[in-house]
N, C-alpha and C. Protein backbone atom coordinates (compact mmCIF):
# COMPACT_ATOMS: atom_id res chain seq x y z
N LEU A 1 -5.57 -6.21 -28.05
CA LEU A 1 -6.33 -7.37 -27.68
C LEU A 1 -7.93 -6.97 -27.55
N LYS A 2 -8.44 -8.33 -27.92
CA LYS A 2 -9.87 -8.46 -27.66
C LYS A 2 -10.61 -8.63 -26.58
N TYR A 3 -12.00 -8.20 -26.33
CA TYR A 3 -12.07 -8.54 -24.69
C TYR A 3 -13.82 -9.10 -25.48
N SER A 4 -14.21 -10.07 -24.58
CA SER A 4 -15.74 -10.01 -25.03
C SER A 4 -16.62 -9.06 -23.99
N ASP A 5 -17.76 -8.87 -24.04
CA ASP A 5 -18.32 -7.84 -23.22
C ASP A 5 -18.21 -8.19 -21.81
N ALA A 6 -18.61 -9.50 -21.30
CA ALA A 6 -18.13 -9.98 -20.09
C ALA A 6 -16.65 -9.35 -19.42
N GLU A 7 -15.66 -9.60 -20.02
CA GLU A 7 -14.57 -9.14 -19.75
C GLU A 7 -14.29 -7.91 -19.42
N ARG A 8 -14.60 -7.13 -20.61
CA ARG A 8 -14.55 -5.91 -20.30
C ARG A 8 -15.30 -5.23 -18.96
N LYS A 9 -16.42 -5.56 -19.10
CA LYS A 9 -17.40 -5.49 -17.72
C LYS A 9 -16.13 -5.68 -16.42
N ALA A 10 -16.10 -6.60 -16.22
CA ALA A 10 -15.39 -7.36 -14.99
C ALA A 10 -14.16 -6.02 -14.92
N GLU A 11 -13.18 -5.42 -16.26
CA GLU A 11 -12.06 -4.88 -15.77
C GLU A 11 -12.55 -3.54 -15.21
N TYR A 12 -13.58 -3.16 -16.27
CA TYR A 12 -14.11 -1.68 -15.87
C TYR A 12 -14.46 -1.92 -13.89
N ALA A 13 -15.14 -2.78 -13.72
CA ALA A 13 -15.49 -3.32 -12.27
C ALA A 13 -14.19 -2.95 -11.15
N GLU A 14 -12.80 -3.52 -11.67
CA GLU A 14 -11.70 -3.54 -11.22
C GLU A 14 -11.14 -1.89 -11.09
N TYR A 15 -11.28 -1.41 -12.35
CA TYR A 15 -10.86 0.15 -12.03
C TYR A 15 -11.78 1.14 -11.25
N GLY A 16 -13.18 0.52 -11.54
CA GLY A 16 -14.07 1.09 -10.51
C GLY A 16 -13.92 1.17 -8.73
N THR A 17 -13.47 -0.16 -8.80
CA THR A 17 -12.82 -0.65 -7.20
C THR A 17 -11.74 0.01 -6.58
N PHE A 18 -10.86 -0.30 -7.77
CA PHE A 18 -9.42 0.82 -7.48
C PHE A 18 -9.68 2.34 -7.33
N THR A 19 -10.42 2.83 -7.96
CA THR A 19 -10.77 4.42 -7.91
C THR A 19 -11.15 4.78 -6.60
N GLU A 20 -12.25 3.72 -5.93
CA GLU A 20 -12.97 4.21 -4.89
C GLU A 20 -11.83 3.67 -3.83
N ALA A 21 -11.11 2.95 -3.85
CA ALA A 21 -10.27 2.78 -2.93
C ALA A 21 -8.96 4.01 -2.51
N ILE A 22 -8.77 4.51 -3.76
CA ILE A 22 -7.70 5.57 -3.87
C ILE A 22 -8.15 6.94 -3.80
N LYS A 23 -9.96 7.08 -4.07
CA LYS A 23 -10.33 8.37 -3.02
C LYS A 23 -10.74 8.02 -1.71
N LYS A 24 -10.70 6.67 -1.26
CA LYS A 24 -11.23 6.83 0.06
C LYS A 24 -9.39 6.96 1.18
N ASN A 25 -8.92 6.17 0.46
CA ASN A 25 -7.62 6.56 1.48
C ASN A 25 -6.61 7.95 1.02
N GLY A 26 -6.89 8.63 0.31
CA GLY A 26 -6.60 10.28 0.09
C GLY A 26 -5.52 10.30 -0.88
N THR A 27 -5.27 9.08 -1.60
CA THR A 27 -4.09 9.12 -2.61
C THR A 27 -4.60 9.73 -4.02
N PHE A 28 -5.92 9.80 -3.85
CA PHE A 28 -6.34 10.10 -5.39
C PHE A 28 -6.47 11.66 -5.56
N VAL A 29 -5.77 12.19 -6.79
CA VAL A 29 -6.12 13.73 -7.10
C VAL A 29 -6.81 13.99 -8.04
N ASP A 30 -6.63 13.33 -9.10
CA ASP A 30 -7.28 13.36 -10.41
C ASP A 30 -7.58 12.40 -11.34
N GLY A 31 -8.40 12.07 -12.04
CA GLY A 31 -8.16 11.08 -13.20
C GLY A 31 -9.27 10.91 -14.29
N SER A 32 -9.36 10.36 -15.29
CA SER A 32 -10.24 10.16 -16.30
C SER A 32 -9.74 9.27 -17.43
N PRO A 33 -10.61 8.98 -17.92
CA PRO A 33 -10.28 7.96 -19.24
C PRO A 33 -10.36 8.70 -20.40
N VAL A 34 -9.51 8.66 -21.35
CA VAL A 34 -9.47 9.50 -22.41
C VAL A 34 -9.82 9.09 -23.67
N ASP A 35 -10.01 9.81 -24.64
CA ASP A 35 -10.33 9.24 -25.83
C ASP A 35 -9.56 9.21 -26.80
N PRO A 36 -8.65 8.31 -27.10
CA PRO A 36 -7.48 8.17 -28.20
C PRO A 36 -7.75 8.49 -29.69
N ALA A 37 -8.94 8.20 -29.86
CA ALA A 37 -9.37 8.35 -31.34
C ALA A 37 -9.77 10.24 -31.43
N GLY A 38 -9.74 10.50 -30.70
CA GLY A 38 -9.94 12.18 -30.58
C GLY A 38 -8.55 13.05 -29.97
N SER A 39 -7.77 12.12 -30.27
CA SER A 39 -6.17 12.96 -30.07
C SER A 39 -5.87 13.77 -31.31
N ARG A 40 -5.05 14.60 -30.92
CA ARG A 40 -4.44 15.59 -31.77
C ARG A 40 -2.77 15.67 -31.46
N LEU A 41 -2.05 15.88 -32.23
CA LEU A 41 -0.59 16.36 -32.18
C LEU A 41 -0.68 17.54 -32.97
N VAL A 42 0.00 18.88 -32.41
CA VAL A 42 0.07 19.95 -32.59
C VAL A 42 1.60 20.33 -32.62
N ARG A 43 2.18 21.34 -33.69
CA ARG A 43 3.74 21.42 -33.62
C ARG A 43 3.50 22.92 -34.67
N VAL A 44 4.57 23.36 -34.51
CA VAL A 44 4.93 24.68 -35.28
C VAL A 44 6.08 24.47 -35.87
N VAL A 45 6.03 24.74 -37.45
CA VAL A 45 7.06 24.57 -38.32
C VAL A 45 6.97 25.79 -39.24
N GLY A 46 8.33 26.46 -39.09
CA GLY A 46 8.16 27.50 -40.18
C GLY A 46 7.18 28.76 -39.71
N GLY A 47 6.99 28.71 -38.26
CA GLY A 47 6.13 29.58 -37.77
C GLY A 47 4.48 29.15 -38.29
N LYS A 48 4.31 28.04 -38.67
CA LYS A 48 3.09 27.99 -39.44
C LYS A 48 2.60 26.65 -38.29
N THR A 49 1.17 27.09 -37.76
CA THR A 49 0.90 25.65 -37.09
C THR A 49 0.37 24.37 -37.62
N GLU A 50 0.80 23.21 -37.25
CA GLU A 50 0.32 22.33 -38.01
C GLU A 50 -0.41 21.36 -36.81
N VAL A 51 -1.63 20.92 -37.62
CA VAL A 51 -2.63 19.84 -36.33
C VAL A 51 -2.49 18.53 -37.08
N MET A 52 -2.26 17.67 -36.61
CA MET A 52 -2.76 16.25 -36.98
C MET A 52 -3.49 15.68 -36.12
N ASN A 53 -4.24 14.63 -36.96
CA ASN A 53 -5.01 13.62 -36.06
C ASN A 53 -4.26 12.51 -35.37
N GLY A 54 -4.34 12.07 -34.44
CA GLY A 54 -3.99 10.64 -33.83
C GLY A 54 -2.64 11.12 -32.89
N GLN A 55 -2.36 9.97 -32.11
CA GLN A 55 -1.07 10.42 -31.00
C GLN A 55 0.30 10.08 -32.10
N LEU A 56 1.03 10.19 -31.22
CA LEU A 56 2.59 10.09 -31.81
C LEU A 56 2.85 8.53 -32.51
N PRO A 57 3.30 8.72 -33.56
CA PRO A 57 3.30 7.49 -34.14
C PRO A 57 4.31 6.36 -33.51
N SER A 58 5.41 6.91 -32.88
CA SER A 58 6.46 6.11 -32.54
C SER A 58 5.92 5.35 -31.14
N ARG A 59 4.62 5.67 -30.59
CA ARG A 59 4.08 5.13 -29.53
C ARG A 59 3.56 3.66 -30.02
N LYS A 60 3.66 2.68 -29.19
CA LYS A 60 3.12 1.10 -29.49
C LYS A 60 1.67 0.82 -28.75
N GLU A 61 1.42 1.88 -27.87
CA GLU A 61 0.04 1.77 -26.75
C GLU A 61 -0.50 2.84 -27.17
N ALA A 62 -1.45 3.05 -26.67
CA ALA A 62 -2.53 4.08 -26.93
C ALA A 62 -2.71 4.89 -25.59
N LEU A 63 -2.45 5.79 -25.09
CA LEU A 63 -3.05 6.40 -23.77
C LEU A 63 -4.62 6.26 -23.74
N VAL A 64 -5.19 5.55 -22.58
CA VAL A 64 -6.51 5.65 -22.60
C VAL A 64 -7.15 6.11 -21.32
N GLY A 65 -6.27 6.54 -20.65
CA GLY A 65 -6.58 7.10 -19.28
C GLY A 65 -5.38 7.57 -18.54
N TYR A 66 -5.83 8.05 -17.18
CA TYR A 66 -4.53 8.73 -16.26
C TYR A 66 -5.09 8.52 -15.13
N TYR A 67 -4.48 8.47 -14.00
CA TYR A 67 -4.72 8.85 -12.52
C TYR A 67 -3.65 9.68 -12.19
N LYS A 68 -3.99 10.66 -11.51
CA LYS A 68 -3.00 11.81 -10.98
C LYS A 68 -3.11 11.27 -9.16
N LEU A 69 -1.91 10.86 -8.70
CA LEU A 69 -1.93 10.22 -7.28
C LEU A 69 -0.84 11.33 -6.41
N LYS A 70 -0.85 10.94 -5.17
CA LYS A 70 -0.43 11.97 -4.59
C LYS A 70 0.23 10.62 -3.49
N GLY A 71 1.65 10.71 -3.02
CA GLY A 71 2.14 9.66 -2.16
C GLY A 71 3.63 9.93 -1.61
N LYS A 72 3.82 9.22 -0.62
CA LYS A 72 5.48 9.75 -0.37
C LYS A 72 6.56 9.54 -1.67
N ASN A 73 6.59 8.70 -2.49
CA ASN A 73 7.35 8.41 -3.14
C ASN A 73 6.72 7.72 -4.29
N VAL A 74 7.75 7.59 -5.37
CA VAL A 74 7.70 7.02 -6.82
C VAL A 74 7.09 5.42 -6.23
N ASP A 75 8.22 4.67 -5.44
CA ASP A 75 7.85 3.50 -5.28
C ASP A 75 6.65 3.00 -4.32
N GLU A 76 6.01 4.10 -3.47
CA GLU A 76 4.86 3.59 -2.75
C GLU A 76 3.77 3.61 -4.27
N ILE A 77 3.65 4.77 -5.16
CA ILE A 77 2.91 4.67 -5.94
C ILE A 77 2.74 3.35 -7.31
N ALA A 78 4.08 2.78 -7.36
CA ALA A 78 4.36 1.66 -8.33
C ALA A 78 3.52 0.56 -7.36
N THR A 79 3.80 0.40 -5.92
CA THR A 79 2.93 -0.60 -5.70
C THR A 79 1.73 -0.46 -5.56
N LEU A 80 0.71 0.87 -5.38
CA LEU A 80 -0.38 0.64 -5.79
C LEU A 80 -0.97 0.58 -7.03
N VAL A 81 -0.44 1.19 -8.08
CA VAL A 81 -1.03 0.89 -9.47
C VAL A 81 -0.80 -0.37 -9.93
N ALA A 82 0.07 -1.07 -9.29
CA ALA A 82 0.24 -2.68 -9.65
C ALA A 82 -1.07 -3.38 -9.45
N LYS A 83 -1.51 -2.78 -8.71
CA LYS A 83 -3.32 -3.53 -8.46
C LYS A 83 -4.09 -3.42 -9.88
N LEU A 84 -3.72 -2.35 -10.58
CA LEU A 84 -4.40 -2.27 -11.78
C LEU A 84 -4.56 -2.99 -12.86
N PRO A 85 -5.71 -3.73 -13.94
CA PRO A 85 -5.64 -4.56 -14.63
C PRO A 85 -4.35 -4.05 -15.86
N THR A 86 -4.16 -2.98 -16.02
CA THR A 86 -3.24 -2.61 -17.03
C THR A 86 -1.88 -3.09 -16.84
N ALA A 87 -1.59 -3.33 -15.28
CA ALA A 87 -0.08 -3.81 -15.15
C ALA A 87 0.02 -5.12 -15.50
N ARG A 88 -1.02 -6.24 -15.45
CA ARG A 88 -0.99 -7.44 -16.00
C ARG A 88 -0.96 -7.76 -17.48
N LYS A 89 -1.45 -6.70 -18.27
CA LYS A 89 -1.62 -6.59 -19.64
C LYS A 89 -0.42 -6.39 -20.33
N GLY A 90 0.12 -5.04 -19.60
CA GLY A 90 1.09 -4.20 -20.40
C GLY A 90 1.86 -3.40 -19.44
N PHE A 91 1.98 -2.09 -19.69
CA PHE A 91 2.62 -1.22 -18.69
C PHE A 91 2.11 0.11 -18.10
N ILE A 92 2.20 0.12 -17.07
CA ILE A 92 1.70 1.62 -16.22
C ILE A 92 2.75 2.44 -16.19
N GLU A 93 2.96 3.65 -16.92
CA GLU A 93 3.91 4.52 -16.79
C GLU A 93 3.87 5.53 -15.74
N ILE A 94 4.64 5.80 -15.04
CA ILE A 94 4.55 7.02 -13.76
C ILE A 94 5.45 7.95 -14.23
N LEU A 95 4.64 9.25 -14.05
CA LEU A 95 5.65 10.46 -14.55
C LEU A 95 5.46 11.10 -13.13
N PRO A 96 6.52 11.62 -12.43
CA PRO A 96 6.45 12.38 -11.46
C PRO A 96 6.62 13.71 -11.78
N GLU A 97 5.72 14.77 -10.76
CA GLU A 97 5.83 16.03 -11.11
C GLU A 97 6.94 16.67 -10.66
N MET A 98 7.43 17.83 -11.82
CA MET A 98 8.74 18.45 -11.36
C MET A 98 8.60 19.58 -10.34
N GLU A 99 9.28 19.69 -9.58
CA GLU A 99 9.13 20.88 -8.60
C GLU A 99 9.96 22.25 -9.28
N MET A 100 8.93 23.20 -9.16
CA MET A 100 9.02 24.63 -10.22
C MET A 100 9.08 25.85 -9.18
């Protein structure tokens, strides 16, 4: 998607408003934008480490940031993140932490 500067600023403002709201209500744990251009893929093949530039080629979307949230359950978090601009343009992936 192409954005005008005004559209980009408006979307960033929405993320800022969302972030402030989840910090205020105690849901926010951590979060950050990320730089997809700086991503690397690492694997070990035959005992040799290979490092490649980029994200997984099977992904159609690029990860551009994350929020780590706490809530009662996945449904509560889904309701919360539905307020993000990304939900109107694509998908938001929720990955619950595993208890270990």
